[in-house]
């Protein structure tokens, strides 16, 4: 039998360590974590999400995005919710963009009135994201619970860790791999853009002088390009919004991927999943599969959300259970 080299031993050690760590996290988070301490938690959160979406359908996408932006920075610890000028709220990806904080406050108050000092803000975000997807017509999944809240909100890490609509596919994939997610997760979680809106500022770089070419992005369908140029003129308001998933704004479905096949992805980071050179060997085939197989997408999305929710959670005696999601307990 051929002996292993030092490098092979090292790779084996790292692999076992990662797998053991992941298994440990899964064993600490459970679906019934609050079954005795806050048995009505899921009903309380669902009611508040229903009220929020009834008032503004866009809120479903906003709450889903909050959970995503929380987990990619410091792990899923509720740090995105903390106030402070040096916190994640003021990072490039969140400033004047992240929203839904007031809804989280309302949910937290309702939960506290029933189970004071028991449920973390990080867990509330995870449940709210699931309920937002379900109430938009998307899949359900059993949310693993037991996270505790972090004490630090790291603006610098947010600037570095969160994917940007202006980045290339390899850069985005690298950011997912850095938090333990894979290429399938990149595509399935990008499918969250099947609901919600985006500001002109996040895609106007594609409309007139793309990458210094003096012309629009060639991977943008002509009718959609014309509509977007009218909505977002060169000297226009970068805060104007349009649907991320053209012609299917509020329904959580696989239409987003069908749009990519027709060059109707809104953000550059959407369309590159199908049209970029890098996509040929990475994401393109997954986009094609999801565009024709709705069940495959919805199943993969649910699995990816569970994986994302397991990014470096604080458990046991780490962190705290915040009384107010915006501030660390005094």
Protein backbone atom coordinates (compact mmCIF):
# COMPACT_ATOMS: atom_id res chain seq x y z
CA UNK A 1 0.00 0.00 0.00
CA UNK A 2 1.42 3.38 -1.02
CA UNK A 3 2.19 5.65 1.96
CA UNK A 4 0.73 9.15 2.15
CA UNK A 5 2.98 12.15 1.70
CA UNK A 6 3.19 14.87 4.34
CA UNK A 7 1.01 17.13 2.16
CA UNK A 8 -1.62 14.41 1.80
CA UNK A 9 -1.63 13.84 5.56
CA UNK A 10 -2.05 17.57 6.05
CA UNK A 11 -5.00 17.74 3.64
CA UNK A 12 -6.60 14.75 5.35
CA UNK A 13 -6.15 16.37 8.78
CA UNK A 14 -7.72 19.64 7.61
CA UNK A 15 -10.64 17.81 5.97
CA UNK A 16 -11.37 15.79 9.11
CA UNK A 17 -11.10 18.92 11.25
CA UNK A 18 -13.58 20.83 9.05
CA UNK A 19 -16.04 17.92 9.00
CA UNK A 20 -15.85 17.48 12.76
CA UNK A 21 -16.39 21.21 13.28
CA UNK A 22 -19.41 21.21 10.97
CA UNK A 23 -20.86 18.16 12.72
CA UNK A 24 -20.33 19.85 16.09
CA UNK A 25 -22.21 22.96 14.95
CA UNK A 26 -25.09 20.91 13.60
CA UNK A 27 -25.37 19.04 16.90
CA UNK A 28 -25.57 22.33 18.82
CA UNK A 29 -28.28 23.87 16.63
CA UNK A 30 -31.61 22.04 16.75
CA UNK A 31 -35.07 22.60 15.29
CA UNK A 32 -36.71 22.28 18.72
CA UNK A 33 -34.31 24.50 20.67
CA UNK A 34 -37.11 26.69 22.07
CA UNK A 35 -39.76 23.99 22.42
CA UNK A 36 -39.99 24.46 26.20
CA UNK A 37 -38.56 27.96 26.73
CA UNK A 38 -40.59 29.72 24.01
CA UNK A 39 -43.06 27.21 22.51
CA UNK A 40 -45.02 29.80 20.50
CA UNK A 41 -41.94 31.39 18.91
CA UNK A 42 -42.61 30.27 15.34
CA UNK A 43 -46.23 31.43 15.45
CA UNK A 44 -45.22 34.83 16.84
CA UNK A 45 -42.61 35.41 14.14
CA UNK A 46 -44.89 34.18 11.35
CA UNK A 47 -47.67 36.57 12.41
CA UNK A 48 -45.34 39.58 12.41
CA UNK A 49 -43.86 38.63 9.02
CA UNK A 50 -47.35 38.31 7.58
CA UNK A 51 -48.18 41.81 8.85
CA UNK A 52 -44.96 43.26 7.46
CA UNK A 53 -45.38 41.72 4.00
CA UNK A 54 -49.03 42.74 3.89
CA UNK A 55 -47.90 46.32 4.48
CA UNK A 56 -45.05 46.07 1.92
CA UNK A 57 -44.43 43.02 -0.24
CA UNK A 58 -40.82 44.06 -0.82
CA UNK A 59 -40.09 43.45 2.86
CA UNK A 60 -39.84 39.70 2.22
CA UNK A 61 -36.75 40.22 0.07
CA UNK A 62 -35.31 42.75 2.53
CA UNK A 63 -35.51 40.34 5.46
CA UNK A 64 -34.03 37.50 3.41
CA UNK A 65 -31.14 39.78 2.45
CA UNK A 66 -30.57 40.80 6.08
CA UNK A 67 -30.05 37.17 7.09
CA UNK A 68 -27.64 36.67 4.18
CA UNK A 69 -25.66 39.79 5.06
CA UNK A 70 -25.59 38.78 8.71
CA UNK A 71 -24.21 35.29 8.12
CA UNK A 72 -21.42 36.33 5.74
CA UNK A 73 -19.90 38.66 8.38
CA UNK A 74 -18.81 37.16 11.72
CA UNK A 75 -21.14 34.24 11.07
CA UNK A 76 -24.90 34.18 11.83
CA UNK A 77 -24.73 36.24 15.03
CA UNK A 78 -27.16 39.14 14.51
CA UNK A 79 -24.24 41.57 14.15
CA UNK A 80 -25.82 43.28 11.12
CA UNK A 81 -28.56 44.55 13.42
CA UNK A 82 -26.26 46.48 15.75
CA UNK A 83 -26.34 50.29 15.56
CA UNK A 84 -23.15 52.34 15.41
CA UNK A 85 -21.34 54.35 12.75
CA UNK A 86 -18.49 51.81 12.64
CA UNK A 87 -20.84 48.83 12.30
CA UNK A 88 -21.97 46.67 9.40
CA UNK A 89 -24.99 48.87 8.67
CA UNK A 90 -22.58 51.48 7.30
CA UNK A 91 -20.57 49.08 5.13
CA UNK A 92 -20.55 49.54 1.36
CA UNK A 93 -23.09 46.75 0.81
CA UNK A 94 -25.51 47.92 3.52
CA UNK A 95 -25.38 51.72 3.64
CA UNK A 96 -28.73 53.15 2.47
CA UNK A 97 -29.50 49.66 1.22
CA UNK A 98 -30.09 47.18 4.03
CA UNK A 99 -33.62 47.51 5.39
CA UNK A 100 -36.15 45.75 7.59
CA UNK A 101 -34.57 46.68 10.92
CA UNK A 102 -37.85 48.10 12.22
CA UNK A 103 -39.62 44.84 11.39
CA UNK A 104 -36.99 42.92 13.36
CA UNK A 105 -37.55 45.32 16.27
CA UNK A 106 -41.28 44.59 16.14
CA UNK A 107 -40.72 40.84 16.07
CA UNK A 108 -38.25 41.04 18.94
CA UNK A 109 -40.71 43.05 21.06
CA UNK A 110 -43.47 40.51 20.41
CA UNK A 111 -41.15 37.63 21.29
CA UNK A 112 -39.86 39.37 24.42
CA UNK A 113 -43.43 39.89 25.66
CA UNK A 114 -43.91 36.12 25.61
CA UNK A 115 -40.40 34.82 26.42
CA UNK A 116 -38.17 37.51 27.86
CA UNK A 117 -34.42 37.09 27.48
CA UNK A 118 -34.69 33.72 25.75
CA UNK A 119 -34.59 34.09 21.94
CA UNK A 120 -31.59 35.57 20.12
CA UNK A 121 -31.84 38.20 17.41
CA UNK A 122 -29.77 35.92 15.18
CA UNK A 123 -32.40 33.18 15.45
CA UNK A 124 -35.19 35.68 14.80
CA UNK A 125 -33.43 36.67 11.55
CA UNK A 126 -33.12 33.04 10.49
CA UNK A 127 -36.81 32.35 11.08
CA UNK A 128 -37.85 35.63 9.45
CA UNK A 129 -35.87 34.76 6.31
CA UNK A 130 -37.56 31.36 6.05
CA UNK A 131 -41.04 32.82 6.60
CA UNK A 132 -40.39 35.58 4.06
CA UNK A 133 -39.58 32.96 1.42
CA UNK A 134 -42.58 30.79 2.30
CA UNK A 135 -45.01 33.72 2.25
CA UNK A 136 -43.67 34.67 -1.19
CA UNK A 137 -44.56 31.25 -2.56
CA UNK A 138 -41.16 29.64 -2.03
CA UNK A 139 -40.05 26.46 -0.25
CA UNK A 140 -40.08 25.82 3.47
CA UNK A 141 -37.42 24.20 5.64
CA UNK A 142 -36.96 23.42 9.31
CA UNK A 143 -34.81 26.21 10.72
CA UNK A 144 -32.03 25.07 13.02
CA UNK A 145 -32.00 27.22 16.17
CA UNK A 146 -29.83 27.91 19.18
CA UNK A 147 -27.65 30.76 17.91
CA UNK A 148 -26.57 33.48 20.31
CA UNK A 149 -25.93 37.13 19.49
CA UNK A 150 -22.52 38.59 18.81
CA UNK A 151 -21.00 41.55 20.64
CA UNK A 152 -19.20 43.19 17.71
CA UNK A 153 -20.34 44.60 14.37
CA UNK A 154 -17.39 44.70 11.99
CA UNK A 155 -17.69 47.21 9.15
CA UNK A 156 -14.27 46.36 7.71
CA UNK A 157 -15.07 42.66 7.50
CA UNK A 158 -18.43 43.48 5.92
CA UNK A 159 -16.67 45.51 3.23
CA UNK A 160 -14.40 42.56 2.50
CA UNK A 161 -16.71 39.57 2.95
CA UNK A 162 -19.99 40.56 1.31
CA UNK A 163 -20.29 39.85 -2.44
CA UNK A 164 -20.75 42.91 -4.64
CA UNK A 165 -22.87 43.29 -7.80
CA UNK A 166 -19.77 44.75 -9.46
CA UNK A 167 -17.44 41.80 -8.83
CA UNK A 168 -16.43 39.04 -11.21
CA UNK A 169 -17.68 35.50 -10.83
CA UNK A 170 -14.40 34.12 -9.50
CA UNK A 171 -14.33 36.78 -6.77
CA UNK A 172 -17.90 35.96 -5.76
CA UNK A 173 -17.25 32.22 -5.70
CA UNK A 174 -14.17 32.81 -3.54
CA UNK A 175 -16.24 34.73 -0.98
CA UNK A 176 -18.73 31.87 -0.76
CA UNK A 177 -15.96 29.29 -0.39
CA UNK A 178 -14.42 31.42 2.38
CA UNK A 179 -17.53 30.84 4.52
CA UNK A 180 -17.87 27.15 3.69
CA UNK A 181 -20.32 27.35 0.80
CA UNK A 182 -19.83 25.93 -2.70
CA UNK A 183 -20.65 26.76 -6.32
CA UNK A 184 -24.14 25.24 -6.11
CA UNK A 185 -24.80 27.51 -3.13
CA UNK A 186 -23.61 30.52 -5.16
CA UNK A 187 -26.25 29.85 -7.81
CA UNK A 188 -29.10 28.71 -5.59
CA UNK A 189 -28.72 31.60 -3.13
CA UNK A 190 -28.42 34.08 -6.01
CA UNK A 191 -31.88 32.79 -6.89
CA UNK A 192 -33.11 34.75 -3.89
CA UNK A 193 -33.15 37.62 -6.38
CA UNK A 194 -36.38 36.15 -7.70
CA UNK A 195 -38.03 38.62 -5.31
CA UNK A 196 -37.24 42.22 -4.41
CA UNK A 197 -35.98 45.41 -5.98
CA UNK A 198 -32.59 46.96 -6.76
CA UNK A 199 -31.49 50.58 -7.01
CA UNK A 200 -30.18 52.13 -10.22
CA UNK A 201 -26.84 52.63 -8.49
CA UNK A 202 -26.32 48.85 -8.37
CA UNK A 203 -26.64 48.24 -12.12
CA UNK A 204 -26.33 51.61 -13.96
CA UNK A 205 -22.68 50.79 -14.72
CA UNK A 206 -24.06 48.35 -17.32
CA UNK A 207 -26.24 50.86 -19.16
CA UNK A 208 -24.00 53.37 -20.98
CA UNK A 209 -20.25 52.94 -20.59
CA UNK A 210 -19.70 49.41 -19.41
CA UNK A 211 -16.13 48.77 -18.25
CA UNK A 212 -14.92 51.81 -20.20
CA UNK A 213 -16.10 50.46 -23.57
CA UNK A 214 -18.27 53.49 -24.33
CA UNK A 215 -21.18 51.09 -24.93
CA UNK A 216 -23.73 49.23 -22.77
CA UNK A 217 -23.11 45.74 -21.45
CA UNK A 218 -23.58 43.45 -24.45
CA UNK A 219 -25.14 40.77 -22.25
CA UNK A 220 -28.19 42.96 -21.53
CA UNK A 221 -31.29 42.30 -23.67
CA UNK A 222 -32.11 45.29 -25.89
CA UNK A 223 -35.68 46.04 -24.74
CA UNK A 224 -34.71 45.73 -21.10
CA UNK A 225 -31.68 47.96 -21.76
CA UNK A 226 -33.90 50.66 -23.24
CA UNK A 227 -36.30 50.51 -20.30
CA UNK A 228 -33.47 50.72 -17.79
CA UNK A 229 -31.78 53.62 -19.60
CA UNK A 230 -35.05 55.56 -19.35
CA UNK A 231 -35.41 54.67 -15.68
CA UNK A 232 -31.79 55.39 -14.81
CA UNK A 233 -30.36 58.14 -17.06
CA UNK A 234 -26.71 59.06 -16.65
CA UNK A 235 -27.53 62.10 -14.51
CA UNK A 236 -30.53 60.46 -12.83
CA UNK A 237 -31.34 59.45 -9.27
CA UNK A 238 -29.36 56.36 -8.30
CA UNK A 239 -31.97 55.52 -5.67
CA UNK A 240 -34.76 54.70 -8.14
CA UNK A 241 -35.64 51.01 -8.09
CA UNK A 242 -36.81 48.24 -10.40
CA UNK A 243 -37.53 44.52 -10.02
CA UNK A 244 -34.59 42.16 -9.70
CA UNK A 245 -36.64 39.49 -11.48
CA UNK A 246 -38.18 41.21 -14.49
CA UNK A 247 -41.86 40.26 -15.01
CA UNK A 248 -42.00 38.22 -11.79
CA UNK A 249 -41.32 40.68 -9.00
CA UNK A 250 -42.91 39.17 -5.90
CA UNK A 251 -43.25 35.43 -6.56
CA UNK A 252 -40.50 33.14 -5.32
CA UNK A 253 -39.96 30.90 -8.36
CA UNK A 254 -37.34 29.88 -10.94
CA UNK A 255 -38.22 32.72 -13.34
CA UNK A 256 -35.02 34.51 -12.33
CA UNK A 257 -32.98 31.76 -14.03
CA UNK A 258 -35.14 31.85 -17.15
CA UNK A 259 -34.35 35.55 -17.36
CA UNK A 260 -30.63 34.84 -17.22
CA UNK A 261 -30.93 32.57 -20.25
CA UNK A 262 -32.56 35.49 -22.09
CA UNK A 263 -29.97 38.11 -21.02
CA UNK A 264 -32.44 39.72 -18.61
CA UNK A 265 -30.43 39.51 -15.41
CA UNK A 266 -30.54 42.91 -13.72
CA UNK A 267 -27.29 42.99 -11.76
CA UNK A 268 -23.97 42.24 -13.36
CA UNK A 269 -23.46 39.62 -10.66
CA UNK A 270 -26.68 37.94 -11.80
CA UNK A 271 -25.98 37.75 -15.51
CA UNK A 272 -22.37 36.54 -15.12
CA UNK A 273 -23.72 33.31 -13.62
CA UNK A 274 -24.73 32.40 -17.17
CA UNK A 275 -22.92 34.68 -19.63
CA UNK A 276 -19.36 35.09 -18.37
CA UNK A 277 -16.42 33.03 -19.57
CA UNK A 278 -15.89 31.80 -16.02
CA UNK A 279 -19.46 30.48 -15.90
CA UNK A 280 -18.78 27.86 -18.58
CA UNK A 281 -16.92 25.59 -16.16
CA UNK A 282 -18.69 26.63 -12.95
CA UNK A 283 -22.22 28.02 -12.79
CA UNK A 284 -23.75 27.99 -16.29
CA UNK A 285 -24.98 24.40 -16.24
CA UNK A 286 -26.60 24.92 -12.84
CA UNK A 287 -28.43 28.01 -14.11
CA UNK A 288 -29.70 25.98 -17.06
CA UNK A 289 -30.88 23.18 -14.79
CA UNK A 290 -32.72 25.54 -12.46
CA UNK A 291 -34.36 27.37 -15.38
CA UNK A 292 -36.10 24.19 -16.48
CA UNK A 293 -36.51 22.40 -13.15
CA UNK A 294 -38.29 24.48 -10.53
CA UNK A 295 -38.26 21.73 -7.90
CA UNK A 296 -34.51 21.31 -8.18
CA UNK A 297 -33.98 25.02 -7.56
CA UNK A 298 -36.40 25.23 -4.64
CA UNK A 299 -34.93 22.13 -2.98
CA UNK A 300 -31.36 23.35 -3.45
CA UNK A 301 -32.27 26.82 -2.21
CA UNK A 302 -33.72 25.41 1.02
CA UNK A 303 -30.62 23.24 1.56
CA UNK A 304 -28.31 26.19 0.89
CA UNK A 305 -30.22 28.35 3.37
CA UNK A 306 -29.72 25.70 6.04
CA UNK A 307 -26.01 25.57 5.22
CA UNK A 308 -25.73 29.36 5.27
CA UNK A 309 -27.50 29.47 8.63
CA UNK A 310 -24.74 27.23 10.00
CA UNK A 311 -21.92 29.68 9.26
CA UNK A 312 -19.96 30.13 12.51
CA UNK A 313 -22.91 30.47 14.91
CA UNK A 314 -22.26 31.39 18.53
CA UNK A 315 -23.68 28.71 20.84
CA UNK A 316 -23.55 27.62 24.46
CA UNK A 317 -22.22 30.42 26.64
CA UNK A 318 -20.68 32.44 23.78
CA UNK A 319 -22.16 35.85 22.99
CA UNK A 320 -25.44 36.80 24.61
CA UNK A 321 -29.19 37.01 24.12
CA UNK A 322 -29.73 40.67 23.29
CA UNK A 323 -32.72 42.40 24.86
CA UNK A 324 -32.64 44.97 22.06
CA UNK A 325 -31.34 43.79 18.70
CA UNK A 326 -29.75 47.17 18.02
CA UNK A 327 -27.44 47.30 21.07
CA UNK A 328 -25.31 44.97 23.16
CA UNK A 329 -26.72 44.33 26.63
CA UNK A 330 -25.24 46.71 29.22
